[in-house]
């Protein structure tokens, strides 16, 4: 049976933050139902929990986030432990958020300590922007948009209708992001995450049940503009459009994607091109996602020719481009560019 934590200082701070944030207007808003916690049903119907804060945000309208003068630093956070319904802190209910010139605001219906004994460490709600939907269990690469701290929570207690009010907002680099509310706990001087919830409404649906949100004016149309054809490869989930051209002393043209054994010579990360004969390999290109390593996409190119060539790479998500060339009459040198295109 869960009991409602009653601390007048916490109540006062939450009410003050709500009052300060009520007048602001946010630019990006999203909502999500907490999935899979299975904990809301465990609360005793005979003792309904009391509210410790303001009511949940209303009217989570679709909008585009505005940029900020400062950019959120790239961070990495690991899990505290394997999540179960009985060993940790968790969310239940509806999560919503707003970000923009007024700040960042987070709401969640319930924060529950389902442990059998003891008291949690200090709790922090963190609003994360990520390039992929976070999955519980591994270290998560993220940009922190805003945070809100709560006092330690005894086992069997919960916070209800938590509303951060508008806290300091720091925008991520321009791009399209998933926005996730993370439930952090301070243990031995380090914050670990205990639960995650990713917004599933209010942005641009990605087709998997979650939404993308635009920051810095990035176009988040939900579908890639890269279209495969005989001269065009679409790498890294279709985000990057890759084309090549060649030139000799007497002619020029577009490189063509090869076929090996009747199959197109293109994977999610690499592609092979021919220039003059469909059975004669001229160039191979590989594009790697190293966002978790140095916050860049890497490009590798190998050419087997002394003819002139140019490789064009377009990031269809941000509009960024990268071009590589080889001069006519010069034996191709291998390219290894580990800062080719910025993440996200």
C-alpha atoms as a PDB file:
ATOM      1  CA  UNK A   1       0.000   0.000   0.000  1.00  0.00           C
ATOM      2  CA  UNK A   2       1.452   3.349  -0.993  1.00  0.00           C
ATOM      3  CA  UNK A   3       1.249   6.375   1.261  1.00  0.00           C
ATOM      4  CA  UNK A   4       1.437   9.984   0.207  1.00  0.00           C
ATOM      5  CA  UNK A   5       4.561  11.805   1.415  1.00  0.00           C
ATOM      6  CA  UNK A   6       3.562  14.915   3.335  1.00  0.00           C
ATOM      7  CA  UNK A   7       6.229  17.601   3.683  1.00  0.00           C
ATOM      8  CA  UNK A   8       5.120  21.225   3.869  1.00  0.00           C
ATOM      9  CA  UNK A   9       8.407  22.525   2.398  1.00  0.00           C
ATOM     10  CA  UNK A  10       7.989  20.372  -0.685  1.00  0.00           C
ATOM     11  CA  UNK A  11       4.378  21.433  -1.096  1.00  0.00           C
ATOM     12  CA  UNK A  12       5.322  25.094  -0.852  1.00  0.00           C
ATOM     13  CA  UNK A  13       8.155  24.890  -3.361  1.00  0.00           C
ATOM     14  CA  UNK A  14       6.046  23.057  -5.890  1.00  0.00           C
ATOM     15  CA  UNK A  15       3.198  25.542  -5.574  1.00  0.00           C
ATOM     16  CA  UNK A  16       5.570  28.505  -5.978  1.00  0.00           C
ATOM     17  CA  UNK A  17       7.154  26.984  -9.077  1.00  0.00           C
ATOM     18  CA  UNK A  18       3.749  26.355 -10.550  1.00  0.00           C
ATOM     19  CA  UNK A  19       2.691  29.936  -9.975  1.00  0.00           C
ATOM     20  CA  UNK A  20       5.845  31.279 -11.615  1.00  0.00           C
ATOM     21  CA  UNK A  21       5.485  29.002 -14.631  1.00  0.00           C
ATOM     22  CA  UNK A  22       1.781  29.468 -15.229  1.00  0.00           C
ATOM     23  CA  UNK A  23       2.246  32.753 -17.075  1.00  0.00           C
ATOM     24  CA  UNK A  24       4.807  31.423 -19.593  1.00  0.00           C
ATOM     25  CA  UNK A  25       4.126  30.083 -23.070  1.00  0.00           C
ATOM     26  CA  UNK A  26       6.271  27.178 -24.289  1.00  0.00           C
ATOM     27  CA  UNK A  27       7.289  26.472 -27.843  1.00  0.00           C
ATOM     28  CA  UNK A  28       7.487  22.660 -27.982  1.00  0.00           C
ATOM     29  CA  UNK A  29       5.056  20.480 -26.127  1.00  0.00           C
ATOM     30  CA  UNK A  30       4.521  16.760 -25.925  1.00  0.00           C
ATOM     31  CA  UNK A  31       2.692  14.109 -23.961  1.00  0.00           C
ATOM     32  CA  UNK A  32       3.087  10.412 -23.367  1.00  0.00           C
ATOM     33  CA  UNK A  33       1.547   7.635 -21.352  1.00  0.00           C
ATOM     34  CA  UNK A  34       4.026   5.855 -19.096  1.00  0.00           C
ATOM     35  CA  UNK A  35       4.380   2.391 -20.528  1.00  0.00           C
ATOM     36  CA  UNK A  36       4.826  -0.891 -18.748  1.00  0.00           C
ATOM     37  CA  UNK A  37       5.357   0.256 -15.164  1.00  0.00           C
ATOM     38  CA  UNK A  38       2.412  -1.767 -13.885  1.00  0.00           C
ATOM     39  CA  UNK A  39       2.536   0.170 -10.626  1.00  0.00           C
ATOM     40  CA  UNK A  40      -0.477   2.450 -10.682  1.00  0.00           C
ATOM     41  CA  UNK A  41      -2.800  -0.481  -9.985  1.00  0.00           C
ATOM     42  CA  UNK A  42      -0.817  -1.359  -6.843  1.00  0.00           C
ATOM     43  CA  UNK A  43      -1.985   1.745  -4.963  1.00  0.00           C
ATOM     44  CA  UNK A  44      -4.636   1.014  -2.378  1.00  0.00           C
ATOM     45  CA  UNK A  45      -8.090   2.216  -3.510  1.00  0.00           C
ATOM     46  CA  UNK A  46      -9.048   2.671   0.162  1.00  0.00           C
ATOM     47  CA  UNK A  47      -6.379   5.341   0.691  1.00  0.00           C
ATOM     48  CA  UNK A  48      -6.212   7.551  -2.422  1.00  0.00           C
ATOM     49  CA  UNK A  49      -2.913   9.466  -2.663  1.00  0.00           C
ATOM     50  CA  UNK A  50      -2.987  13.177  -2.000  1.00  0.00           C
ATOM     51  CA  UNK A  51      -1.598  15.751  -4.439  1.00  0.00           C
ATOM     52  CA  UNK A  52       1.868  17.176  -3.742  1.00  0.00           C
ATOM     53  CA  UNK A  53       1.962  19.958  -6.298  1.00  0.00           C
ATOM     54  CA  UNK A  54       0.126  21.612  -9.110  1.00  0.00           C
ATOM     55  CA  UNK A  55      -2.230  20.029 -11.584  1.00  0.00           C
ATOM     56  CA  UNK A  56      -0.936  18.426 -14.761  1.00  0.00           C
ATOM     57  CA  UNK A  57      -0.290  20.791 -17.701  1.00  0.00           C
ATOM     58  CA  UNK A  58      -3.209  21.205 -20.067  1.00  0.00           C
ATOM     59  CA  UNK A  59      -3.459  21.678 -23.834  1.00  0.00           C
ATOM     60  CA  UNK A  60      -0.199  20.092 -25.094  1.00  0.00           C
ATOM     61  CA  UNK A  61      -0.470  21.668 -28.554  1.00  0.00           C
ATOM     62  CA  UNK A  62       1.835  20.815 -31.442  1.00  0.00           C
ATOM     63  CA  UNK A  63       4.530  23.455 -31.936  1.00  0.00           C
ATOM     64  CA  UNK A  64       8.153  23.917 -32.945  1.00  0.00           C
ATOM     65  CA  UNK A  65      10.830  24.506 -30.325  1.00  0.00           C
ATOM     66  CA  UNK A  66      12.859  27.674 -30.390  1.00  0.00           C
ATOM     67  CA  UNK A  67      16.618  27.758 -30.029  1.00  0.00           C
ATOM     68  CA  UNK A  68      18.565  29.098 -27.080  1.00  0.00           C
ATOM     69  CA  UNK A  69      21.724  31.164 -26.793  1.00  0.00           C
ATOM     70  CA  UNK A  70      23.461  28.246 -25.093  1.00  0.00           C
ATOM     71  CA  UNK A  71      23.689  24.659 -26.265  1.00  0.00           C
ATOM     72  CA  UNK A  72      23.043  21.689 -23.998  1.00  0.00           C
ATOM     73  CA  UNK A  73      26.209  19.651 -23.382  1.00  0.00           C
ATOM     74  CA  UNK A  74      26.376  16.090 -24.596  1.00  0.00           C
ATOM     75  CA  UNK A  75      25.907  13.688 -21.681  1.00  0.00           C
ATOM     76  CA  UNK A  76      25.871   9.974 -20.916  1.00  0.00           C
ATOM     77  CA  UNK A  77      23.849   8.359 -18.130  1.00  0.00           C
ATOM     78  CA  UNK A  78      23.608   4.721 -17.113  1.00  0.00           C
ATOM     79  CA  UNK A  79      20.861   2.760 -15.316  1.00  0.00           C
ATOM     80  CA  UNK A  80      20.799   2.206 -11.567  1.00  0.00           C
ATOM     81  CA  UNK A  81      19.669  -1.437 -11.797  1.00  0.00           C
ATOM     82  CA  UNK A  82      17.470  -3.776 -13.783  1.00  0.00           C
ATOM     83  CA  UNK A  83      13.986  -2.334 -13.539  1.00  0.00           C
ATOM     84  CA  UNK A  84      11.236  -4.432 -11.988  1.00  0.00           C
ATOM     85  CA  UNK A  85       7.871  -3.583 -10.447  1.00  0.00           C
ATOM     86  CA  UNK A  86       9.204  -4.001  -6.919  1.00  0.00           C
ATOM     87  CA  UNK A  87      12.815  -2.861  -6.649  1.00  0.00           C
ATOM     88  CA  UNK A  88      13.001   0.791  -7.517  1.00  0.00           C
ATOM     89  CA  UNK A  89      11.668   4.197  -8.439  1.00  0.00           C
ATOM     90  CA  UNK A  90       9.253   4.507 -11.329  1.00  0.00           C
ATOM     91  CA  UNK A  91       6.779   6.726 -13.163  1.00  0.00           C
ATOM     92  CA  UNK A  92       3.063   6.099 -13.562  1.00  0.00           C
ATOM     93  CA  UNK A  93       0.402   8.080 -15.404  1.00  0.00           C
ATOM     94  CA  UNK A  94       0.812  10.809 -18.005  1.00  0.00           C
ATOM     95  CA  UNK A  95       3.984  12.738 -18.775  1.00  0.00           C
ATOM     96  CA  UNK A  96       3.939  16.121 -20.541  1.00  0.00           C
ATOM     97  CA  UNK A  97       6.540  18.780 -21.291  1.00  0.00           C
ATOM     98  CA  UNK A  98       7.021  22.257 -22.715  1.00  0.00           C
ATOM     99  CA  UNK A  99      10.241  23.936 -23.892  1.00  0.00           C
ATOM    100  CA  UNK A 100      10.874  27.391 -25.288  1.00  0.00           C
ATOM    101  CA  UNK A 101      11.613  30.979 -24.330  1.00  0.00           C
ATOM    102  CA  UNK A 102       9.794  30.634 -21.001  1.00  0.00           C
ATOM    103  CA  UNK A 103      11.963  27.691 -19.995  1.00  0.00           C
ATOM    104  CA  UNK A 104      11.440  23.947 -19.709  1.00  0.00           C
ATOM    105  CA  UNK A 105       8.484  22.435 -17.869  1.00  0.00           C
ATOM    106  CA  UNK A 106       7.848  18.805 -16.935  1.00  0.00           C
ATOM    107  CA  UNK A 107       4.798  17.139 -15.419  1.00  0.00           C
ATOM    108  CA  UNK A 108       4.212  13.551 -14.379  1.00  0.00           C
ATOM    109  CA  UNK A 109       1.227  12.066 -12.543  1.00  0.00           C
ATOM    110  CA  UNK A 110       3.145   9.811 -10.155  1.00  0.00           C
ATOM    111  CA  UNK A 111       6.703   9.155  -8.972  1.00  0.00           C
ATOM    112  CA  UNK A 112       6.638   5.960  -6.911  1.00  0.00           C
ATOM    113  CA  UNK A 113       9.154   4.302  -4.603  1.00  0.00           C
ATOM    114  CA  UNK A 114       8.119   0.647  -4.675  1.00  0.00           C
ATOM    115  CA  UNK A 115      11.052  -0.611  -2.617  1.00  0.00           C
ATOM    116  CA  UNK A 116      10.282  -2.649   0.483  1.00  0.00           C
ATOM    117  CA  UNK A 117      12.405  -0.566   2.858  1.00  0.00           C
ATOM    118  CA  UNK A 118      14.737   2.387   3.206  1.00  0.00           C
ATOM    119  CA  UNK A 119      14.709   5.807   1.557  1.00  0.00           C
ATOM    120  CA  UNK A 120      15.831   6.711  -1.952  1.00  0.00           C
ATOM    121  CA  UNK A 121      18.659   9.081  -2.683  1.00  0.00           C
ATOM    122  CA  UNK A 122      17.864  12.605  -3.907  1.00  0.00           C
ATOM    123  CA  UNK A 123      15.580  12.432  -6.960  1.00  0.00           C
ATOM    124  CA  UNK A 124      15.930  14.427 -10.147  1.00  0.00           C
ATOM    125  CA  UNK A 125      13.615  14.715 -13.141  1.00  0.00           C
ATOM    126  CA  UNK A 126      15.616  15.365 -16.307  1.00  0.00           C
ATOM    127  CA  UNK A 127      14.271  16.253 -19.745  1.00  0.00           C
ATOM    128  CA  UNK A 128      16.505  14.618 -22.366  1.00  0.00           C
ATOM    129  CA  UNK A 129      16.787  15.090 -26.142  1.00  0.00           C
ATOM    130  CA  UNK A 130      18.088  12.023 -27.976  1.00  0.00           C
ATOM    131  CA  UNK A 131      18.560  11.041 -31.607  1.00  0.00           C
ATOM    132  CA  UNK A 132      17.021   7.599 -31.007  1.00  0.00           C
ATOM    133  CA  UNK A 133      14.325   6.381 -28.629  1.00  0.00           C
ATOM    134  CA  UNK A 134      16.101   5.497 -25.354  1.00  0.00           C
ATOM    135  CA  UNK A 135      15.936   1.863 -24.275  1.00  0.00           C
ATOM    136  CA  UNK A 136      16.229   0.984 -20.603  1.00  0.00           C
ATOM    137  CA  UNK A 137      19.306  -0.980 -19.599  1.00  0.00           C
ATOM    138  CA  UNK A 138      22.229   0.701 -21.332  1.00  0.00           C
ATOM    139  CA  UNK A 139      24.126   3.964 -21.143  1.00  0.00           C
ATOM    140  CA  UNK A 140      22.050   6.654 -22.872  1.00  0.00           C
ATOM    141  CA  UNK A 141      23.598   9.490 -24.877  1.00  0.00           C
ATOM    142  CA  UNK A 142      21.562  12.659 -24.503  1.00  0.00           C
ATOM    143  CA  UNK A 143      21.350  16.428 -24.321  1.00  0.00           C
ATOM    144  CA  UNK A 144      19.785  17.708 -21.083  1.00  0.00           C
ATOM    145  CA  UNK A 145      17.110  20.341 -21.752  1.00  0.00           C
ATOM    146  CA  UNK A 146      16.206  20.967 -18.114  1.00  0.00           C
ATOM    147  CA  UNK A 147      16.156  19.394 -14.630  1.00  0.00           C
ATOM    148  CA  UNK A 148      14.004  19.532 -11.491  1.00  0.00           C
ATOM    149  CA  UNK A 149      14.977  18.115  -8.094  1.00  0.00           C
ATOM    150  CA  UNK A 150      12.834  16.340  -5.487  1.00  0.00           C
ATOM    151  CA  UNK A 151      13.707  15.254  -1.958  1.00  0.00           C
ATOM    152  CA  UNK A 152      14.478  11.590  -1.162  1.00  0.00           C
ATOM    153  CA  UNK A 153      11.381   9.392  -1.110  1.00  0.00           C
ATOM    154  CA  UNK A 154      10.820   6.697   1.558  1.00  0.00           C
ATOM    155  CA  UNK A 155       9.873   3.191   0.478  1.00  0.00           C
ATOM    156  CA  UNK A 156       6.127   2.846  -0.051  1.00  0.00           C
ATOM    157  CA  UNK A 157       5.600   6.559  -0.698  1.00  0.00           C
ATOM    158  CA  UNK A 158       4.925   8.496  -3.870  1.00  0.00           C
ATOM    159  CA  UNK A 159       4.827  12.026  -5.257  1.00  0.00           C
ATOM    160  CA  UNK A 160       1.626  12.890  -7.118  1.00  0.00           C
ATOM    161  CA  UNK A 161       0.849  15.447  -9.852  1.00  0.00           C
ATOM    162  CA  UNK A 162       4.443  16.636  -9.973  1.00  0.00           C
ATOM    163  CA  UNK A 163       4.898  19.871 -11.917  1.00  0.00           C
ATOM    164  CA  UNK A 164       8.348  21.440 -12.208  1.00  0.00           C
ATOM    165  CA  UNK A 165       7.081  24.850 -13.263  1.00  0.00           C
ATOM    166  CA  UNK A 166       9.377  26.577 -15.757  1.00  0.00           C
ATOM    167  CA  UNK A 167      13.020  25.782 -15.032  1.00  0.00           C
ATOM    168  CA  UNK A 168      16.143  26.760 -16.951  1.00  0.00           C
ATOM    169  CA  UNK A 169      16.005  25.504 -20.549  1.00  0.00           C
ATOM    170  CA  UNK A 170      19.090  24.792 -22.633  1.00  0.00           C
ATOM    171  CA  UNK A 171      18.499  23.948 -26.300  1.00  0.00           C
ATOM    172  CA  UNK A 172      20.343  21.082 -28.017  1.00  0.00           C
ATOM    173  CA  UNK A 173      22.218  21.550 -31.314  1.00  0.00           C
ATOM    174  CA  UNK A 174      19.891  22.085 -34.270  1.00  0.00           C
ATOM    175  CA  UNK A 175      18.177  18.866 -35.258  1.00  0.00           C
ATOM    176  CA  UNK A 176      15.250  16.508 -34.737  1.00  0.00           C
ATOM    177  CA  UNK A 177      15.040  14.765 -31.371  1.00  0.00           C
ATOM    178  CA  UNK A 178      13.003  12.415 -29.264  1.00  0.00           C
ATOM    179  CA  UNK A 179      12.202  14.012 -25.891  1.00  0.00           C
ATOM    180  CA  UNK A 180      12.302  11.776 -22.820  1.00  0.00           C
ATOM    181  CA  UNK A 181      11.566  12.340 -19.149  1.00  0.00           C
ATOM    182  CA  UNK A 182      14.194  10.513 -17.074  1.00  0.00           C
ATOM    183  CA  UNK A 183      13.813   9.666 -13.384  1.00  0.00           C
ATOM    184  CA  UNK A 184      17.271   9.988 -11.808  1.00  0.00           C
ATOM    185  CA  UNK A 185      18.526   9.050  -8.352  1.00  0.00           C
ATOM    186  CA  UNK A 186      21.751  10.155  -6.698  1.00  0.00           C
ATOM    187  CA  UNK A 187      23.737   7.177  -5.454  1.00  0.00           C
ATOM    188  CA  UNK A 188      27.367   7.369  -4.255  1.00  0.00           C
ATOM    189  CA  UNK A 189      27.802  10.800  -5.799  1.00  0.00           C
ATOM    190  CA  UNK A 190      26.481   9.847  -9.259  1.00  0.00           C
ATOM    191  CA  UNK A 191      23.034  10.218 -10.810  1.00  0.00           C
ATOM    192  CA  UNK A 192      21.656   7.037 -12.403  1.00  0.00           C
ATOM    193  CA  UNK A 193      18.341   6.681 -14.200  1.00  0.00           C
ATOM    194  CA  UNK A 194      15.581   4.511 -12.730  1.00  0.00           C
ATOM    195  CA  UNK A 195      12.824   5.024 -15.301  1.00  0.00           C
ATOM    196  CA  UNK A 196      12.250   6.626 -18.713  1.00  0.00           C
ATOM    197  CA  UNK A 197       9.257   7.893 -20.644  1.00  0.00           C
ATOM    198  CA  UNK A 198       9.441   9.221 -24.198  1.00  0.00           C
ATOM    199  CA  UNK A 199       6.892  11.648 -25.660  1.00  0.00           C
ATOM    200  CA  UNK A 200       4.459  10.013 -28.065  1.00  0.00           C
ATOM    201  CA  UNK A 201       2.397  13.074 -29.053  1.00  0.00           C
ATOM    202  CA  UNK A 202       2.827  16.764 -29.735  1.00  0.00           C
ATOM    203  CA  UNK A 203       5.573  16.529 -32.360  1.00  0.00           C
ATOM    204  CA  UNK A 204       6.025  14.766 -35.689  1.00  0.00           C
ATOM    205  CA  UNK A 205       5.140  11.039 -35.559  1.00  0.00           C
ATOM    206  CA  UNK A 206       8.019   8.809 -36.663  1.00  0.00           C
ATOM    207  CA  UNK A 207       5.772   5.842 -37.490  1.00  0.00           C
ATOM    208  CA  UNK A 208       6.874   3.771 -34.479  1.00  0.00           C
ATOM    209  CA  UNK A 209       4.598   5.300 -31.854  1.00  0.00           C
ATOM    210  CA  UNK A 210       6.902   8.145 -30.830  1.00  0.00           C
ATOM    211  CA  UNK A 211       7.276  11.743 -31.971  1.00  0.00           C
ATOM    212  CA  UNK A 212      10.226  13.845 -33.120  1.00  0.00           C
ATOM    213  CA  UNK A 213      10.624  17.466 -32.026  1.00  0.00           C
ATOM    214  CA  UNK A 214      12.437  20.196 -33.954  1.00  0.00           C
ATOM    215  CA  UNK A 215      15.120  22.392 -32.418  1.00  0.00           C
ATOM    216  CA  UNK A 216      17.087  25.120 -34.147  1.00  0.00           C
ATOM    217  CA  UNK A 217      14.722  25.191 -37.140  1.00  0.00           C
ATOM    218  CA  UNK A 218      15.464  21.642 -38.313  1.00  0.00           C
ATOM    219  CA  UNK A 219      12.930  20.054 -40.641  1.00  0.00           C
ATOM    220  CA  UNK A 220      11.360  16.991 -39.035  1.00  0.00           C
ATOM    221  CA  UNK A 221       8.986  15.863 -41.736  1.00  0.00           C
ATOM    222  CA  UNK A 222       8.900  12.319 -40.445  1.00  0.00           C
ATOM    223  CA  UNK A 223      10.079  10.800 -43.722  1.00  0.00           C
ATOM    224  CA  UNK A 224      13.475  10.991 -45.386  1.00  0.00           C
ATOM    225  CA  UNK A 225      13.787  12.947 -48.617  1.00  0.00           C
ATOM    226  CA  UNK A 226      16.436  10.510 -49.827  1.00  0.00           C
ATOM    227  CA  UNK A 227      15.100   8.309 -52.634  1.00  0.00           C
ATOM    228  CA  UNK A 228      17.176   5.383 -53.858  1.00  0.00           C
ATOM    229  CA  UNK A 229      17.748   5.082 -57.581  1.00  0.00           C
ATOM    230  CA  UNK A 230      20.494   3.746 -59.832  1.00  0.00           C
ATOM    231  CA  UNK A 231      22.796   6.655 -58.945  1.00  0.00           C
ATOM    232  CA  UNK A 232      21.734   7.391 -55.352  1.00  0.00           C
ATOM    233  CA  UNK A 233      22.407   5.536 -52.101  1.00  0.00           C
ATOM    234  CA  UNK A 234      20.544   6.245 -48.842  1.00  0.00           C
ATOM    235  CA  UNK A 235      22.605   5.340 -45.773  1.00  0.00           C
ATOM    236  CA  UNK A 236      22.025   5.226 -42.008  1.00  0.00           C
ATOM    237  CA  UNK A 237      18.309   4.602 -42.072  1.00  0.00           C
ATOM    238  CA  UNK A 238      17.915   6.766 -45.181  1.00  0.00           C
ATOM    239  CA  UNK A 239      19.153   9.913 -43.505  1.00  0.00           C
ATOM    240  CA  UNK A 240      22.193  10.462 -45.747  1.00  0.00           C
ATOM    241  CA  UNK A 241      21.940  10.805 -49.530  1.00  0.00           C
ATOM    242  CA  UNK A 242      25.131   9.760 -51.329  1.00  0.00           C
ATOM    243  CA  UNK A 243      25.896  10.372 -55.008  1.00  0.00           C
ATOM    244  CA  UNK A 244      29.085  10.361 -57.076  1.00  0.00           C
ATOM    245  CA  UNK A 245      30.261  11.858 -60.368  1.00  0.00           C
ATOM    246  CA  UNK A 246      33.321  11.062 -62.473  1.00  0.00           C
ATOM    247  CA  UNK A 247      35.327  12.778 -65.188  1.00  0.00           C
ATOM    248  CA  UNK A 248      37.922  11.620 -67.674  1.00  0.00           C
ATOM    249  CA  UNK A 249      39.861  13.560 -70.290  1.00  0.00           C
ATOM    250  CA  UNK A 250      36.969  13.141 -72.705  1.00  0.00           C
ATOM    251  CA  UNK A 251      33.781  12.444 -70.721  1.00  0.00           C
ATOM    252  CA  UNK A 252      31.948  12.760 -67.435  1.00  0.00           C
ATOM    253  CA  UNK A 253      28.921  11.230 -65.780  1.00  0.00           C
ATOM    254  CA  UNK A 254      27.248   9.943 -62.620  1.00  0.00           C
ATOM    255  CA  UNK A 255      28.482   6.931 -60.688  1.00  0.00           C
ATOM    256  CA  UNK A 256      26.108   3.978 -60.554  1.00  0.00           C
ATOM    257  CA  UNK A 257      25.354   1.749 -57.566  1.00  0.00           C
ATOM    258  CA  UNK A 258      26.744  -1.723 -58.230  1.00  0.00           C
ATOM    259  CA  UNK A 259      24.978  -5.057 -58.034  1.00  0.00           C
ATOM    260  CA  UNK A 260      26.703  -8.141 -56.619  1.00  0.00           C
ATOM    261  CA  UNK A 261      25.102 -11.477 -57.414  1.00  0.00           C
ATOM    262  CA  UNK A 262      21.878  -9.768 -58.450  1.00  0.00           C
ATOM    263  CA  UNK A 263      21.631  -7.761 -55.216  1.00  0.00           C
ATOM    264  CA  UNK A 264      22.177  -4.036 -54.833  1.00  0.00           C
ATOM    265  CA  UNK A 265      25.619  -3.440 -53.275  1.00  0.00           C
ATOM    266  CA  UNK A 266      24.301  -1.203 -50.534  1.00  0.00           C
ATOM    267  CA  UNK A 267      23.833  -1.786 -46.819  1.00  0.00           C
ATOM    268  CA  UNK A 268      22.711   0.638 -44.135  1.00  0.00           C
ATOM    269  CA  UNK A 269      26.318   1.862 -43.740  1.00  0.00           C
ATOM    270  CA  UNK A 270      28.089   1.298 -47.065  1.00  0.00           C
ATOM    271  CA  UNK A 271      27.743   1.333 -50.850  1.00  0.00           C
ATOM    272  CA  UNK A 272      29.821   0.470 -53.944  1.00  0.00           C
ATOM    273  CA  UNK A 273      29.799   2.427 -57.226  1.00  0.00           C
ATOM    274  CA  UNK A 274      30.925   1.776 -60.815  1.00  0.00           C
ATOM    275  CA  UNK A 275      31.749   4.428 -63.440  1.00  0.00           C
ATOM    276  CA  UNK A 276      32.408   2.786 -66.800  1.00  0.00           C
ATOM    277  CA  UNK A 277      31.439  -0.893 -66.590  1.00  0.00           C
ATOM    278  CA  UNK A 278      28.835  -2.466 -64.313  1.00  0.00           C
ATOM    279  CA  UNK A 279      31.205  -5.328 -63.427  1.00  0.00           C
ATOM    280  CA  UNK A 280      34.164  -3.061 -62.605  1.00  0.00           C
ATOM    281  CA  UNK A 281      34.243  -1.683 -59.056  1.00  0.00           C
ATOM    282  CA  UNK A 282      35.578   1.892 -58.882  1.00  0.00           C
ATOM    283  CA  UNK A 283      34.683   3.160 -55.417  1.00  0.00           C
ATOM    284  CA  UNK A 284      33.412   2.084 -52.007  1.00  0.00           C
ATOM    285  CA  UNK A 285      32.018   4.392 -49.321  1.00  0.00           C
ATOM    286  CA  UNK A 286      31.175   3.768 -45.664  1.00  0.00           C
ATOM    287  CA  UNK A 287      29.293   6.136 -43.316  1.00  0.00           C
ATOM    288  CA  UNK A 288      29.313   5.410 -39.565  1.00  0.00           C
ATOM    289  CA  UNK A 289      27.275   6.832 -36.701  1.00  0.00           C
ATOM    290  CA  UNK A 290      29.848   7.800 -34.043  1.00  0.00           C
ATOM    291  CA  UNK A 291      27.544  10.217 -32.183  1.00  0.00           C
ATOM    292  CA  UNK A 292      28.194   8.372 -28.937  1.00  0.00           C
ATOM    293  CA  UNK A 293      31.968   8.644 -29.408  1.00  0.00           C
ATOM    294  CA  UNK A 294      32.835  12.122 -30.709  1.00  0.00           C
ATOM    295  CA  UNK A 295      29.416  13.515 -31.677  1.00  0.00           C
ATOM    296  CA  UNK A 296      30.066  13.166 -35.421  1.00  0.00           C
ATOM    297  CA  UNK A 297      29.276  10.908 -38.341  1.00  0.00           C
ATOM    298  CA  UNK A 298      32.385   9.361 -39.929  1.00  0.00           C
ATOM    299  CA  UNK A 299      33.073   8.914 -43.648  1.00  0.00           C
ATOM    300  CA  UNK A 300      35.453   6.420 -45.260  1.00  0.00           C
ATOM    301  CA  UNK A 301      36.081   6.305 -49.020  1.00  0.00           C
ATOM    302  CA  UNK A 302      38.239   3.938 -51.051  1.00  0.00           C
ATOM    303  CA  UNK A 303      38.780   4.484 -54.790  1.00  0.00           C
ATOM    304  CA  UNK A 304      40.505   2.225 -57.319  1.00  0.00           C
ATOM    305  CA  UNK A 305      41.028   4.744 -60.118  1.00  0.00           C
ATOM    306  CA  UNK A 306      43.129   7.678 -61.280  1.00  0.00           C
ATOM    307  CA  UNK A 307      40.152   9.322 -62.968  1.00  0.00           C
ATOM    308  CA  UNK A 308      38.578  12.389 -61.449  1.00  0.00           C
ATOM    309  CA  UNK A 309      35.657  11.859 -59.094  1.00  0.00           C
ATOM    310  CA  UNK A 310      33.510  13.729 -56.589  1.00  0.00           C
ATOM    311  CA  UNK A 311      31.396  12.341 -53.762  1.00  0.00           C
ATOM    312  CA  UNK A 312      28.385  14.350 -52.523  1.00  0.00           C
ATOM    313  CA  UNK A 313      26.819  13.573 -49.123  1.00  0.00           C
ATOM    314  CA  UNK A 314      23.628  15.304 -47.989  1.00  0.00           C
ATOM    315  CA  UNK A 315      22.203  15.043 -44.480  1.00  0.00           C
ATOM    316  CA  UNK A 316      18.492  15.143 -45.301  1.00  0.00           C
ATOM    317  CA  UNK A 317      17.634  15.832 -41.649  1.00  0.00           C
ATOM    318  CA  UNK A 318      19.682  19.004 -41.181  1.00  0.00           C
ATOM    319  CA  UNK A 319      20.601  20.033 -44.742  1.00  0.00           C
ATOM    320  CA  UNK A 320      24.334  19.769 -43.990  1.00  0.00           C
ATOM    321  CA  UNK A 321      26.549  18.615 -46.890  1.00  0.00           C
ATOM    322  CA  UNK A 322      30.025  17.195 -47.349  1.00  0.00           C
ATOM    323  CA  UNK A 323      31.980  16.862 -50.612  1.00  0.00           C
ATOM    324  CA  UNK A 324      35.128  14.861 -51.372  1.00  0.00           C
ATOM    325  CA  UNK A 325      37.055  14.954 -54.666  1.00  0.00           C
ATOM    326  CA  UNK A 326      39.941  13.344 -56.515  1.00  0.00           C
ATOM    327  CA  UNK A 327      41.787  15.168 -59.318  1.00  0.00           C
ATOM    328  CA  UNK A 328      41.958  13.691 -62.812  1.00  0.00           C
ATOM    329  CA  UNK A 329      45.235  11.795 -63.271  1.00  0.00           C
ATOM    330  CA  UNK A 330      45.806  11.401 -59.532  1.00  0.00           C
ATOM    331  CA  UNK A 331      45.716   7.920 -58.023  1.00  0.00           C
ATOM    332  CA  UNK A 332      42.881   7.890 -55.482  1.00  0.00           C
ATOM    333  CA  UNK A 333      43.894   8.174 -51.839  1.00  0.00           C
ATOM    334  CA  UNK A 334      41.782   6.628 -49.098  1.00  0.00           C
ATOM    335  CA  UNK A 335      39.603   9.054 -47.142  1.00  0.00           C
ATOM    336  CA  UNK A 336      39.018   8.681 -43.404  1.00  0.00           C
ATOM    337  CA  UNK A 337      37.104  11.655 -42.029  1.00  0.00           C
ATOM    338  CA  UNK A 338      36.104  11.244 -38.383  1.00  0.00           C
ATOM    339  CA  UNK A 339      34.541  14.704 -38.115  1.00  0.00           C
ATOM    340  CA  UNK A 340      32.662  14.682 -41.405  1.00  0.00           C
ATOM    341  CA  UNK A 341      29.174  15.696 -40.289  1.00  0.00           C
ATOM    342  CA  UNK A 342      27.942  16.811 -36.865  1.00  0.00           C
ATOM    343  CA  UNK A 343      25.401  14.947 -34.780  1.00  0.00           C
ATOM    344  CA  UNK A 344      22.557  14.724 -34.254  1.00  0.00           C
END
